[in-house]
Protein backbone atom coordinates (compact mmCIF):
# COMPACT_ATOMS: atom_id res chain seq x y z
CA UNK A 1 -7.45 29.88 -9.58
CA UNK A 2 -7.83 32.09 -12.71
CA UNK A 3 -5.98 31.60 -16.01
CA UNK A 4 -5.92 32.75 -19.64
CA UNK A 5 -8.54 31.45 -22.03
CA UNK A 6 -7.71 27.84 -22.95
CA UNK A 7 -9.46 24.56 -23.15
CA UNK A 8 -7.76 21.20 -23.12
CA UNK A 9 -7.86 17.83 -21.31
CA UNK A 10 -6.25 17.09 -17.98
CA UNK A 11 -2.46 16.88 -18.19
CA UNK A 12 0.77 17.03 -16.22
CA UNK A 13 1.97 19.98 -18.39
CA UNK A 14 -0.91 22.11 -17.11
CA UNK A 15 0.19 21.52 -13.50
CA UNK A 16 3.77 22.61 -14.20
CA UNK A 17 2.51 25.90 -15.66
CA UNK A 18 0.88 26.89 -12.36
CA UNK A 19 2.40 24.85 -9.53
CA UNK A 20 6.18 24.79 -8.93
CA UNK A 21 7.27 21.17 -8.25
CA UNK A 22 10.30 22.49 -6.32
CA UNK A 23 8.30 24.44 -3.77
CA UNK A 24 6.41 22.82 -0.92
CA UNK A 25 2.58 22.43 -0.92
CA UNK A 26 0.61 22.70 2.28
CA UNK A 27 -2.85 21.26 3.09
CA UNK A 28 -5.42 23.91 4.19
CA UNK A 29 -8.44 21.62 4.71
CA UNK A 30 -9.32 19.61 7.82
CA UNK A 31 -11.64 17.28 5.98
CA UNK A 32 -12.67 16.56 2.33
CA UNK A 33 -15.70 18.33 0.90
CA UNK A 34 -18.16 16.14 -0.96
CA UNK A 35 -19.16 17.13 -4.55
CA UNK A 36 -22.56 16.18 -5.65
CA UNK A 37 -24.21 15.44 -8.99
CA UNK A 38 -26.70 18.05 -10.35
CA UNK A 39 -29.61 17.19 -12.66
CA UNK A 40 -31.70 20.02 -14.11
CA UNK A 41 -30.07 22.44 -11.80
CA UNK A 42 -31.02 20.50 -8.72
CA UNK A 43 -28.59 18.67 -6.40
CA UNK A 44 -28.96 14.88 -6.10
CA UNK A 45 -27.61 12.71 -3.27
CA UNK A 46 -25.04 11.05 -5.64
CA UNK A 47 -21.50 11.97 -4.67
CA UNK A 48 -19.20 12.53 -7.72
CA UNK A 49 -16.03 13.27 -5.91
CA UNK A 50 -14.21 14.93 -3.02
CA UNK A 51 -12.09 18.06 -2.83
CA UNK A 52 -9.78 19.75 -0.45
CA UNK A 53 -7.77 23.01 -0.38
CA UNK A 54 -3.99 23.53 -0.68
CA UNK A 55 -1.55 26.45 -0.90
CA UNK A 56 1.94 27.08 -2.18
CA UNK A 57 3.99 30.25 -1.60
CA UNK A 58 3.18 32.87 -4.24
CA UNK A 59 -0.12 31.18 -5.29
CA UNK A 60 -3.68 31.78 -4.19
CA UNK A 61 -5.22 28.79 -2.37
CA UNK A 62 -6.34 26.04 -4.87
CA UNK A 63 -8.58 23.01 -4.79
CA UNK A 64 -7.69 19.47 -5.81
CA UNK A 65 -10.49 17.00 -6.63
CA UNK A 66 -10.32 13.23 -5.88
CA UNK A 67 -12.61 10.46 -7.10
CA UNK A 68 -12.52 8.74 -3.74
CA UNK A 69 -12.55 10.06 -0.20
CA UNK A 70 -8.83 10.25 0.61
CA UNK A 71 -7.42 10.27 4.13
CA UNK A 72 -6.12 13.82 4.70
CA UNK A 73 -3.01 14.46 6.84
CA UNK A 74 -3.16 17.05 9.63
CA UNK A 75 -3.98 20.69 8.82
CA UNK A 76 -0.96 22.61 7.37
CA UNK A 77 0.92 19.42 6.70
CA UNK A 78 3.47 19.40 3.85
CA UNK A 79 2.01 17.12 1.17
CA UNK A 80 2.66 15.49 -2.21
CA UNK A 81 0.14 14.24 -4.72
CA UNK A 82 -0.11 10.95 -6.67
CA UNK A 83 -0.84 11.70 -10.35
CA UNK A 84 -1.65 15.42 -10.06
CA UNK A 85 -3.17 16.73 -13.30
CA UNK A 86 -4.62 20.07 -14.31
CA UNK A 87 -7.05 21.36 -16.90
CA UNK A 88 -7.66 24.92 -18.23
CA UNK A 89 -11.32 25.77 -18.94
CA UNK A 90 -12.15 29.32 -19.98
CA UNK A 91 -10.33 31.50 -17.46
CA UNK A 92 -10.03 28.88 -14.70
CA UNK A 93 -7.65 26.00 -13.97
CA UNK A 94 -8.77 22.85 -12.09
CA UNK A 95 -6.71 20.15 -10.52
CA UNK A 96 -7.42 16.45 -9.80
CA UNK A 97 -5.23 13.75 -8.25
CA UNK A 98 -5.46 10.08 -7.33
CA UNK A 99 -4.17 10.54 -3.75
CA UNK A 100 -2.46 12.88 -1.30
CA UNK A 101 0.20 11.92 1.33
CA UNK A 102 2.14 13.72 3.96
CA UNK A 103 5.80 14.40 3.28
CA UNK A 104 7.80 13.30 6.29
């Protein structure tokens, strides 16, 4: 997701600027993607996190990173995040969370 030029730490306030807490969020991924550590421009086998894709009406699809491999609900499930935070770096915004669960 693109944003204005800003740089700050992860925060809840950044999430509220881009994701409407009143609108539903849907899972677009069927499984988590591993993120690997790079050293001198070369990928290592060390996994640094996992990420998956989500969408909300009026927004482009966005990724959320997790430190651990979370159990994802079914494709297109309505979800909520535990401790969702965002960070703005240059013209991009990135999100991370502790967990994701299906809303029943």
